[in-house]
Amino acid sequence: MKSYTYSEARGNFATVLEEAERDGAVEIRRRDGAVFRILPAQGSKASPLDVKGVKLGVSTADLVALVREGRERG
């Protein structure tokens, strides 16, 4: 795991994120000795448009009727 100082990480943030994604983690150390670890979030490769459906109990015919009604108004 690669370790960066705070200043290095701030100046090369895109590189730090790419490295964390590739290697799994990156450490950042502050002058006061505090250490932070950046890890990629689990499931971050999924599309943000990939959402679970919600069952509303609305039929296809109802949806088509609503769309037609909206088109007639506009």
C-alpha atoms as a PDB file:
ATOM      1  CA  MET A   1       0.000   0.000   0.000  1.00  0.00           C
ATOM      2  CA  LYS A   2       1.364   3.388  -1.018  1.00  0.00           C
ATOM      3  CA  SER A   3       1.629   6.145   1.560  1.00  0.00           C
ATOM      4  CA  TYR A   4       1.483   9.890   0.822  1.00  0.00           C
ATOM      5  CA  THR A   5       2.000  12.965   2.916  1.00  0.00           C
ATOM      6  CA  TYR A   6      -0.973  15.306   3.136  1.00  0.00           C
ATOM      7  CA  SER A   7       0.699  17.785   0.775  1.00  0.00           C
ATOM      8  CA  GLU A   8       1.531  15.099  -1.800  1.00  0.00           C
ATOM      9  CA  ALA A   9      -2.001  13.720  -1.696  1.00  0.00           C
ATOM     10  CA  ARG A  10      -3.536  17.180  -2.055  1.00  0.00           C
ATOM     11  CA  GLY A  11      -1.328  17.997  -5.045  1.00  0.00           C
ATOM     12  CA  ASN A  12      -1.929  14.661  -6.801  1.00  0.00           C
ATOM     13  CA  PHE A  13      -5.462  13.809  -5.706  1.00  0.00           C
ATOM     14  CA  ALA A  14      -6.536  12.229  -9.015  1.00  0.00           C
ATOM     15  CA  THR A  15      -3.475   9.976  -8.946  1.00  0.00           C
ATOM     16  CA  VAL A  16      -4.155   9.027  -5.324  1.00  0.00           C
ATOM     17  CA  LEU A  17      -7.735   8.014  -6.180  1.00  0.00           C
ATOM     18  CA  GLU A  18      -6.621   5.999  -9.212  1.00  0.00           C
ATOM     19  CA  GLU A  19      -4.033   4.201  -7.123  1.00  0.00           C
ATOM     20  CA  ALA A  20      -6.564   3.435  -4.387  1.00  0.00           C
ATOM     21  CA  GLU A  21      -8.892   1.981  -7.006  1.00  0.00           C
ATOM     22  CA  ARG A  22      -6.126  -0.091  -8.585  1.00  0.00           C
ATOM     23  CA  ASP A  23      -4.360  -1.302  -5.406  1.00  0.00           C
ATOM     24  CA  GLY A  24      -7.256  -1.309  -2.953  1.00  0.00           C
ATOM     25  CA  ALA A  25      -6.061   1.354  -0.502  1.00  0.00           C
ATOM     26  CA  VAL A  26      -3.817   4.390  -0.055  1.00  0.00           C
ATOM     27  CA  GLU A  27      -2.627   5.960   3.196  1.00  0.00           C
ATOM     28  CA  ILE A  28      -2.317   9.680   3.819  1.00  0.00           C
ATOM     29  CA  ARG A  29      -0.188  10.924   6.721  1.00  0.00           C
ATOM     30  CA  ARG A  30      -0.450  14.333   8.351  1.00  0.00           C
ATOM     31  CA  ARG A  31       2.377  16.131  10.125  1.00  0.00           C
ATOM     32  CA  ASP A  32       0.745  15.471  13.493  1.00  0.00           C
ATOM     33  CA  GLY A  33       1.052  11.709  12.881  1.00  0.00           C
ATOM     34  CA  ALA A  34      -2.591  11.040  12.048  1.00  0.00           C
ATOM     35  CA  VAL A  35      -3.018   8.434   9.324  1.00  0.00           C
ATOM     36  CA  PHE A  36      -6.017   8.154   7.012  1.00  0.00           C
ATOM     37  CA  ARG A  37      -6.788   5.405   4.560  1.00  0.00           C
ATOM     38  CA  ILE A  38      -8.676   5.888   1.286  1.00  0.00           C
ATOM     39  CA  LEU A  39     -10.495   2.790   0.079  1.00  0.00           C
ATOM     40  CA  PRO A  40     -12.712   2.379  -2.969  1.00  0.00           C
ATOM     41  CA  ALA A  41     -16.384   1.924  -2.044  1.00  0.00           C
ATOM     42  CA  GLN A  42     -17.795  -1.536  -2.610  1.00  0.00           C
ATOM     43  CA  GLY A  43     -19.951  -1.795  -5.680  1.00  0.00           C
ATOM     44  CA  SER A  44     -18.606   1.452  -7.088  1.00  0.00           C
ATOM     45  CA  LYS A  45     -18.400  -0.128 -10.562  1.00  0.00           C
ATOM     46  CA  ALA A  46     -22.200  -0.297 -10.834  1.00  0.00           C
ATOM     47  CA  SER A  47     -24.058   2.183 -12.968  1.00  0.00           C
ATOM     48  CA  PRO A  48     -25.815   4.958 -11.032  1.00  0.00           C
ATOM     49  CA  LEU A  49     -28.818   4.252 -13.257  1.00  0.00           C
ATOM     50  CA  ASP A  50     -28.993   0.639 -12.060  1.00  0.00           C
ATOM     51  CA  VAL A  51     -31.726   1.011  -9.428  1.00  0.00           C
ATOM     52  CA  LYS A  52     -34.208  -1.482  -8.085  1.00  0.00           C
ATOM     53  CA  GLY A  53     -37.698  -1.284  -9.464  1.00  0.00           C
ATOM     54  CA  VAL A  54     -40.668  -0.341  -7.326  1.00  0.00           C
ATOM     55  CA  LYS A  55     -43.923  -2.271  -7.615  1.00  0.00           C
ATOM     56  CA  LEU A  56     -46.719   0.264  -7.849  1.00  0.00           C
ATOM     57  CA  GLY A  57     -49.535  -1.968  -9.002  1.00  0.00           C
ATOM     58  CA  VAL A  58     -49.944   0.085 -12.193  1.00  0.00           C
ATOM     59  CA  SER A  59     -50.617  -1.839 -15.387  1.00  0.00           C
ATOM     60  CA  THR A  60     -48.998  -1.204 -18.746  1.00  0.00           C
ATOM     61  CA  ALA A  61     -52.344  -0.025 -20.095  1.00  0.00           C
ATOM     62  CA  ASP A  62     -52.585   2.557 -17.282  1.00  0.00           C
ATOM     63  CA  LEU A  63     -49.100   3.870 -18.051  1.00  0.00           C
ATOM     64  CA  VAL A  64     -49.827   4.120 -21.779  1.00  0.00           C
ATOM     65  CA  ALA A  65     -53.061   5.993 -21.041  1.00  0.00           C
ATOM     66  CA  LEU A  66     -51.192   8.455 -18.782  1.00  0.00           C
ATOM     67  CA  VAL A  67     -48.540   9.114 -21.412  1.00  0.00           C
ATOM     68  CA  ARG A  68     -51.167   9.665 -24.116  1.00  0.00           C
ATOM     69  CA  GLU A  69     -53.087  12.029 -21.860  1.00  0.00           C
ATOM     70  CA  GLY A  70     -49.926  14.005 -21.147  1.00  0.00           C
ATOM     71  CA  ARG A  71     -49.082  14.258 -24.839  1.00  0.00           C
ATOM     72  CA  GLU A  72     -52.588  15.518 -25.662  1.00  0.00           C
ATOM     73  CA  ARG A  73     -52.241  18.324 -23.088  1.00  0.00           C
ATOM     74  CA  GLY A  74     -48.831  19.508 -24.225  1.00  0.00           C
END
